[in-house]
Amino acid sequence: MCYSAQIQADYRKYVRMFGAHMSIREFAQLYWERAEGSNVRIPKAMDAAFSVPQSDEERRIKEAIDRFNGEQATRLEQELFKQRARLADAERTLQGKTTKAATESKRIATSKIESALRGLDDLRRTELKDRDSRIFPGKYAPVMIMEDGKRVIKPMRYHCRPAGKPAFYDKKYPGTYNARFDNLKASGRDFLGIRTVLLSRMPSMKT
């Protein structure tokens, strides 16, 4: 079963409420890695927190976000062109003769066109929706932790890696681990307590 968690993605609200300090370096590294092609998943609401940058570091993050969104838009537009051509070919075939292959090709092309259009709409809209601040396993969110006696906000991934396992374990076994509260000692001993690896902060960071 896949659980999601509703998050408040605007880190500035954490700062106002708790006097927390943001680790801008880790946010910048995360967004840079995504722009470079890393498989990093970040909710749209977290991106929106940097829509009006207030420092050089935040401006660099905004540039990385714009670069990523531009590349995604290009990819979706290319897919849209490809599927519209596929749909046109299938429809021409069906005008002459109804075949299973052409019917299936039309169905798939229509579905992929709708998906690409939804993706483009999501990239271009600026008004946030509730689903933009919802995270699922594998997605990042701003998390406040105590570090050296101070409250610090860092991007952390909704994920749990068993203690002592290497980083490739995340992709090889991408499951989410759940345990009943009354059975944590037995089923969660590799995840909770002194051997816990909670949230991995950066894709390339070792834990």
C-alpha atoms as a PDB file:
ATOM      1  CA  MET A   1       0.000   0.000   0.000  1.00  0.00           C
ATOM      2  CA  CYS A   2       1.375   3.379  -0.970  1.00  0.00           C
ATOM      3  CA  TYR A   3       0.943   6.200   1.521  1.00  0.00           C
ATOM      4  CA  SER A   4       1.191   9.884   0.759  1.00  0.00           C
ATOM      5  CA  ALA A   5       1.771  12.776   3.071  1.00  0.00           C
ATOM      6  CA  GLN A   6       0.439  16.292   2.702  1.00  0.00           C
ATOM      7  CA  ILE A   7       3.217  18.807   3.106  1.00  0.00           C
ATOM      8  CA  GLN A   8       3.533  22.542   3.521  1.00  0.00           C
ATOM      9  CA  ALA A   9       6.167  23.206   0.890  1.00  0.00           C
ATOM     10  CA  ASP A  10       6.907  26.903   1.403  1.00  0.00           C
ATOM     11  CA  TYR A  11       9.989  26.832   3.635  1.00  0.00           C
ATOM     12  CA  ARG A  12       9.610  30.521   4.542  1.00  0.00           C
ATOM     13  CA  LYS A  13       6.612  29.613   6.685  1.00  0.00           C
ATOM     14  CA  TYR A  14       8.855  27.309   8.691  1.00  0.00           C
ATOM     15  CA  VAL A  15      11.303  30.160   9.121  1.00  0.00           C
ATOM     16  CA  ARG A  16       8.617  32.530  10.405  1.00  0.00           C
ATOM     17  CA  MET A  17       6.984  29.976  12.689  1.00  0.00           C
ATOM     18  CA  PHE A  18      10.059  28.358  14.197  1.00  0.00           C
ATOM     19  CA  GLY A  19      12.982  30.671  13.479  1.00  0.00           C
ATOM     20  CA  ALA A  20      14.610  27.893  11.469  1.00  0.00           C
ATOM     21  CA  HIS A  21      17.592  28.336   9.169  1.00  0.00           C
ATOM     22  CA  MET A  22      17.454  26.968   5.631  1.00  0.00           C
ATOM     23  CA  SER A  23      20.362  24.915   4.336  1.00  0.00           C
ATOM     24  CA  ILE A  24      20.403  26.656   0.959  1.00  0.00           C
ATOM     25  CA  ARG A  25      23.422  24.645  -0.201  1.00  0.00           C
ATOM     26  CA  GLU A  26      21.516  21.373  -0.034  1.00  0.00           C
ATOM     27  CA  PHE A  27      18.495  22.828  -1.821  1.00  0.00           C
ATOM     28  CA  ALA A  28      20.775  24.184  -4.556  1.00  0.00           C
ATOM     29  CA  GLN A  29      22.535  20.826  -4.907  1.00  0.00           C
ATOM     30  CA  LEU A  30      19.225  18.998  -5.154  1.00  0.00           C
ATOM     31  CA  TYR A  31      17.878  21.268  -7.887  1.00  0.00           C
ATOM     32  CA  TRP A  32      21.180  21.229  -9.766  1.00  0.00           C
ATOM     33  CA  GLU A  33      21.182  17.422  -9.811  1.00  0.00           C
ATOM     34  CA  ARG A  34      17.619  17.360 -11.135  1.00  0.00           C
ATOM     35  CA  ALA A  35      18.493  19.853 -13.879  1.00  0.00           C
ATOM     36  CA  GLU A  36      21.471  17.659 -14.814  1.00  0.00           C
ATOM     37  CA  GLY A  37      19.195  14.692 -15.410  1.00  0.00           C
ATOM     38  CA  SER A  38      19.110  12.942 -12.051  1.00  0.00           C
ATOM     39  CA  ASN A  39      15.875  11.112 -11.292  1.00  0.00           C
ATOM     40  CA  VAL A  40      14.910  13.543  -8.508  1.00  0.00           C
ATOM     41  CA  ARG A  41      11.216  14.004  -7.786  1.00  0.00           C
ATOM     42  CA  ILE A  42      10.171  17.319  -6.263  1.00  0.00           C
ATOM     43  CA  PRO A  43       6.569  18.506  -5.724  1.00  0.00           C
ATOM     44  CA  LYS A  44       5.514  21.596  -7.660  1.00  0.00           C
ATOM     45  CA  ALA A  45       4.728  23.488  -4.451  1.00  0.00           C
ATOM     46  CA  MET A  46       8.337  23.174  -3.340  1.00  0.00           C
ATOM     47  CA  ASP A  47       9.463  24.653  -6.661  1.00  0.00           C
ATOM     48  CA  ALA A  48       7.018  27.510  -6.140  1.00  0.00           C
ATOM     49  CA  ALA A  49       8.804  28.505  -2.921  1.00  0.00           C
ATOM     50  CA  PHE A  50      11.615  29.816  -5.152  1.00  0.00           C
ATOM     51  CA  SER A  51       9.409  31.579  -7.717  1.00  0.00           C
ATOM     52  CA  VAL A  52      10.426  34.987  -6.336  1.00  0.00           C
ATOM     53  CA  PRO A  53      14.119  34.553  -5.427  1.00  0.00           C
ATOM     54  CA  GLN A  54      15.520  36.844  -2.757  1.00  0.00           C
ATOM     55  CA  SER A  55      19.233  36.024  -2.940  1.00  0.00           C
ATOM     56  CA  ASP A  56      21.865  34.925  -5.453  1.00  0.00           C
ATOM     57  CA  GLU A  57      21.558  31.338  -4.214  1.00  0.00           C
ATOM     58  CA  GLU A  58      17.796  31.365  -4.679  1.00  0.00           C
ATOM     59  CA  ARG A  59      18.199  32.856  -8.142  1.00  0.00           C
ATOM     60  CA  ARG A  60      20.455  29.970  -9.100  1.00  0.00           C
ATOM     61  CA  ILE A  61      17.835  27.547  -7.812  1.00  0.00           C
ATOM     62  CA  LYS A  62      15.169  29.347  -9.859  1.00  0.00           C
ATOM     63  CA  GLU A  63      17.382  29.057 -12.943  1.00  0.00           C
ATOM     64  CA  ALA A  64      17.737  25.305 -12.357  1.00  0.00           C
ATOM     65  CA  ILE A  65      13.969  24.970 -11.981  1.00  0.00           C
ATOM     66  CA  ASP A  66      13.346  26.937 -15.199  1.00  0.00           C
ATOM     67  CA  ARG A  67      15.929  24.856 -17.038  1.00  0.00           C
ATOM     68  CA  PHE A  68      14.335  21.605 -15.892  1.00  0.00           C
ATOM     69  CA  ASN A  69      10.817  22.791 -16.736  1.00  0.00           C
ATOM     70  CA  GLY A  70      11.963  23.949 -20.174  1.00  0.00           C
ATOM     71  CA  GLU A  71      13.491  20.566 -20.943  1.00  0.00           C
ATOM     72  CA  GLN A  72      10.366  18.795 -19.719  1.00  0.00           C
ATOM     73  CA  ALA A  73       8.183  21.007 -21.908  1.00  0.00           C
ATOM     74  CA  THR A  74      10.345  20.234 -24.957  1.00  0.00           C
ATOM     75  CA  ARG A  75      10.131  16.506 -24.249  1.00  0.00           C
ATOM     76  CA  LEU A  76       6.341  16.658 -23.895  1.00  0.00           C
ATOM     77  CA  GLU A  77       5.946  18.740 -27.053  1.00  0.00           C
ATOM     78  CA  GLN A  78       8.026  16.218 -29.012  1.00  0.00           C
ATOM     79  CA  GLU A  79       5.920  13.382 -27.625  1.00  0.00           C
ATOM     80  CA  LEU A  80       2.760  15.275 -28.541  1.00  0.00           C
ATOM     81  CA  PHE A  81       3.960  15.738 -32.151  1.00  0.00           C
ATOM     82  CA  LYS A  82       4.908  12.054 -32.379  1.00  0.00           C
ATOM     83  CA  GLN A  83       1.580  10.792 -31.043  1.00  0.00           C
ATOM     84  CA  ARG A  84      -0.499  13.145 -33.180  1.00  0.00           C
ATOM     85  CA  ALA A  85       1.283  11.796 -36.253  1.00  0.00           C
ATOM     86  CA  ARG A  86       0.630   8.259 -35.027  1.00  0.00           C
ATOM     87  CA  LEU A  87      -3.039   9.070 -34.494  1.00  0.00           C
ATOM     88  CA  ALA A  88      -3.357  10.541 -37.980  1.00  0.00           C
ATOM     89  CA  ASP A  89      -1.768   7.427 -39.529  1.00  0.00           C
ATOM     90  CA  ALA A  90      -4.115   5.137 -37.595  1.00  0.00           C
ATOM     91  CA  GLU A  91      -7.177   7.139 -38.612  1.00  0.00           C
ATOM     92  CA  ARG A  92      -6.154   7.034 -42.283  1.00  0.00           C
ATOM     93  CA  THR A  93      -5.789   3.269 -42.064  1.00  0.00           C
ATOM     94  CA  LEU A  94      -9.170   2.901 -40.380  1.00  0.00           C
ATOM     95  CA  GLN A  95     -10.871   4.915 -43.085  1.00  0.00           C
ATOM     96  CA  GLY A  96      -9.944   2.187 -45.557  1.00  0.00           C
ATOM     97  CA  LYS A  97     -10.189  -0.882 -43.341  1.00  0.00           C
ATOM     98  CA  THR A  98     -10.781  -1.587 -39.672  1.00  0.00           C
ATOM     99  CA  THR A  99      -7.840  -3.501 -38.268  1.00  0.00           C
ATOM    100  CA  LYS A 100      -6.943  -4.487 -34.738  1.00  0.00           C
ATOM    101  CA  ALA A 101      -3.485  -2.921 -35.024  1.00  0.00           C
ATOM    102  CA  ALA A 102      -4.812   0.449 -36.243  1.00  0.00           C
ATOM    103  CA  THR A 103      -7.551   0.489 -33.609  1.00  0.00           C
ATOM    104  CA  GLU A 104      -5.039  -0.199 -30.846  1.00  0.00           C
ATOM    105  CA  SER A 105      -2.617   2.379 -32.226  1.00  0.00           C
ATOM    106  CA  LYS A 106      -5.383   4.986 -32.233  1.00  0.00           C
ATOM    107  CA  ARG A 107      -6.284   4.171 -28.625  1.00  0.00           C
ATOM    108  CA  ILE A 108      -2.700   4.383 -27.398  1.00  0.00           C
ATOM    109  CA  ALA A 109      -1.977   7.586 -29.321  1.00  0.00           C
ATOM    110  CA  THR A 110      -5.121   9.244 -27.969  1.00  0.00           C
ATOM    111  CA  SER A 111      -4.200   8.303 -24.403  1.00  0.00           C
ATOM    112  CA  LYS A 112      -0.618   9.562 -24.770  1.00  0.00           C
ATOM    113  CA  ILE A 113      -1.788  12.833 -26.339  1.00  0.00           C
ATOM    114  CA  GLU A 114      -4.065  13.460 -23.373  1.00  0.00           C
ATOM    115  CA  SER A 115      -1.224  12.637 -20.961  1.00  0.00           C
ATOM    116  CA  ALA A 116       1.200  15.003 -22.719  1.00  0.00           C
ATOM    117  CA  LEU A 117      -1.345  17.821 -22.716  1.00  0.00           C
ATOM    118  CA  ARG A 118      -1.947  17.344 -18.988  1.00  0.00           C
ATOM    119  CA  GLY A 119       1.789  17.428 -18.386  1.00  0.00           C
ATOM    120  CA  LEU A 120       2.179  20.670 -20.331  1.00  0.00           C
ATOM    121  CA  ASP A 121      -0.728  22.244 -18.480  1.00  0.00           C
ATOM    122  CA  ASP A 122       0.870  21.308 -15.149  1.00  0.00           C
ATOM    123  CA  LEU A 123       4.196  22.822 -16.169  1.00  0.00           C
ATOM    124  CA  ARG A 124       2.691  26.086 -17.368  1.00  0.00           C
ATOM    125  CA  ARG A 125       0.143  26.859 -14.675  1.00  0.00           C
ATOM    126  CA  THR A 126       1.194  29.091 -11.801  1.00  0.00           C
ATOM    127  CA  GLU A 127      -1.796  28.644  -9.502  1.00  0.00           C
ATOM    128  CA  LEU A 128      -1.086  25.840  -7.065  1.00  0.00           C
ATOM    129  CA  LYS A 129      -3.489  22.998  -6.339  1.00  0.00           C
ATOM    130  CA  ASP A 130      -3.709  20.767  -3.273  1.00  0.00           C
ATOM    131  CA  ARG A 131      -2.038  17.906  -5.114  1.00  0.00           C
ATOM    132  CA  ASP A 132       1.030  20.065  -5.780  1.00  0.00           C
ATOM    133  CA  SER A 133       2.064  19.803  -2.129  1.00  0.00           C
ATOM    134  CA  ARG A 134       1.401  16.094  -1.729  1.00  0.00           C
ATOM    135  CA  ILE A 135       4.377  13.781  -1.564  1.00  0.00           C
ATOM    136  CA  PHE A 136       4.658  10.071  -2.199  1.00  0.00           C
ATOM    137  CA  PRO A 137       7.537   7.660  -1.547  1.00  0.00           C
ATOM    138  CA  GLY A 138      10.582   8.846  -3.453  1.00  0.00           C
ATOM    139  CA  LYS A 139       9.635  12.534  -3.474  1.00  0.00           C
ATOM    140  CA  TYR A 140      11.482  15.296  -1.668  1.00  0.00           C
ATOM    141  CA  ALA A 141      10.077  17.798   0.808  1.00  0.00           C
ATOM    142  CA  PRO A 142      11.486  20.481   3.143  1.00  0.00           C
ATOM    143  CA  VAL A 143      11.993  18.958   6.591  1.00  0.00           C
ATOM    144  CA  MET A 144      12.978  20.751   9.785  1.00  0.00           C
ATOM    145  CA  ILE A 145      15.566  18.973  11.933  1.00  0.00           C
ATOM    146  CA  MET A 146      17.762  19.834  14.921  1.00  0.00           C
ATOM    147  CA  GLU A 147      21.422  20.133  13.977  1.00  0.00           C
ATOM    148  CA  ASP A 148      24.085  21.378  16.392  1.00  0.00           C
ATOM    149  CA  GLY A 149      21.334  22.688  18.647  1.00  0.00           C
ATOM    150  CA  LYS A 150      19.688  24.732  15.885  1.00  0.00           C
ATOM    151  CA  ARG A 151      16.564  24.244  13.782  1.00  0.00           C
ATOM    152  CA  VAL A 152      17.578  23.662  10.162  1.00  0.00           C
ATOM    153  CA  ILE A 153      15.409  23.085   7.081  1.00  0.00           C
ATOM    154  CA  LYS A 154      16.772  20.618   4.547  1.00  0.00           C
ATOM    155  CA  PRO A 155      15.334  18.823   1.505  1.00  0.00           C
ATOM    156  CA  MET A 156      14.740  15.222   2.476  1.00  0.00           C
ATOM    157  CA  ARG A 157      13.284  12.290   0.636  1.00  0.00           C
ATOM    158  CA  TYR A 158      10.257  10.298   1.736  1.00  0.00           C
ATOM    159  CA  HIS A 159      12.106   7.015   1.892  1.00  0.00           C
ATOM    160  CA  CYS A 160      13.605   4.533   4.328  1.00  0.00           C
ATOM    161  CA  ARG A 161      16.766   2.577   3.553  1.00  0.00           C
ATOM    162  CA  PRO A 162      17.606  -0.433   5.764  1.00  0.00           C
ATOM    163  CA  ALA A 163      20.621   0.173   7.971  1.00  0.00           C
ATOM    164  CA  GLY A 164      23.912  -0.779   6.355  1.00  0.00           C
ATOM    165  CA  LYS A 165      22.528  -1.114   2.823  1.00  0.00           C
ATOM    166  CA  PRO A 166      24.247   0.655  -0.122  1.00  0.00           C
ATOM    167  CA  ALA A 167      22.646   3.469  -2.123  1.00  0.00           C
ATOM    168  CA  PHE A 168      21.706   1.202  -5.077  1.00  0.00           C
ATOM    169  CA  TYR A 169      19.298  -0.564  -2.704  1.00  0.00           C
ATOM    170  CA  ASP A 170      16.880   2.345  -3.179  1.00  0.00           C
ATOM    171  CA  LYS A 171      16.341   1.498  -6.838  1.00  0.00           C
ATOM    172  CA  LYS A 172      16.698  -2.274  -6.616  1.00  0.00           C
ATOM    173  CA  TYR A 173      14.149  -2.519  -3.792  1.00  0.00           C
ATOM    174  CA  PRO A 174      12.004   0.629  -4.025  1.00  0.00           C
ATOM    175  CA  GLY A 175       9.359  -0.570  -1.582  1.00  0.00           C
ATOM    176  CA  THR A 176       7.917   1.430   1.301  1.00  0.00           C
ATOM    177  CA  TYR A 177       8.302  -0.163   4.716  1.00  0.00           C
ATOM    178  CA  ASN A 178       5.358  -0.154   7.107  1.00  0.00           C
ATOM    179  CA  ALA A 179       4.925  -1.716  10.531  1.00  0.00           C
ATOM    180  CA  ARG A 180       2.221  -1.832  13.178  1.00  0.00           C
ATOM    181  CA  PHE A 181       2.904   0.351  16.209  1.00  0.00           C
ATOM    182  CA  ASP A 182       2.603  -2.625  18.562  1.00  0.00           C
ATOM    183  CA  ASN A 183       5.144  -4.619  16.532  1.00  0.00           C
ATOM    184  CA  LEU A 184       7.883  -2.086  15.844  1.00  0.00           C
ATOM    185  CA  LYS A 185      10.459  -3.845  17.987  1.00  0.00           C
ATOM    186  CA  ALA A 186      10.345  -7.011  15.916  1.00  0.00           C
ATOM    187  CA  SER A 187       9.544  -5.860  12.391  1.00  0.00           C
ATOM    188  CA  GLY A 188      11.199  -2.476  12.461  1.00  0.00           C
ATOM    189  CA  ARG A 189      14.497  -3.185  14.189  1.00  0.00           C
ATOM    190  CA  ASP A 190      16.450  -2.508  10.985  1.00  0.00           C
ATOM    191  CA  PHE A 191      14.668   0.808  10.444  1.00  0.00           C
ATOM    192  CA  LEU A 192      14.018   2.292  13.868  1.00  0.00           C
ATOM    193  CA  GLY A 193      16.169   3.072  16.883  1.00  0.00           C
ATOM    194  CA  ILE A 194      19.950   3.265  16.852  1.00  0.00           C
ATOM    195  CA  ARG A 195      20.251   1.533  13.465  1.00  0.00           C
ATOM    196  CA  THR A 196      17.736   3.713  11.643  1.00  0.00           C
ATOM    197  CA  VAL A 197      18.414   5.321   8.300  1.00  0.00           C
ATOM    198  CA  LEU A 198      15.510   7.741   8.094  1.00  0.00           C
ATOM    199  CA  LEU A 199      15.287  10.140   5.172  1.00  0.00           C
ATOM    200  CA  SER A 200      18.104  10.338   2.658  1.00  0.00           C
ATOM    201  CA  ARG A 201      18.966  13.988   2.114  1.00  0.00           C
ATOM    202  CA  MET A 202      20.555  14.031  -1.317  1.00  0.00           C
ATOM    203  CA  PRO A 203      20.578  11.521  -4.199  1.00  0.00           C
ATOM    204  CA  SER A 204      24.382  11.233  -4.143  1.00  0.00           C
ATOM    205  CA  MET A 205      24.832  11.447  -0.374  1.00  0.00           C
ATOM    206  CA  LYS A 206      25.878   8.265   1.419  1.00  0.00           C
ATOM    207  CA  THR A 207      24.001   7.214   4.558  1.00  0.00           C
END
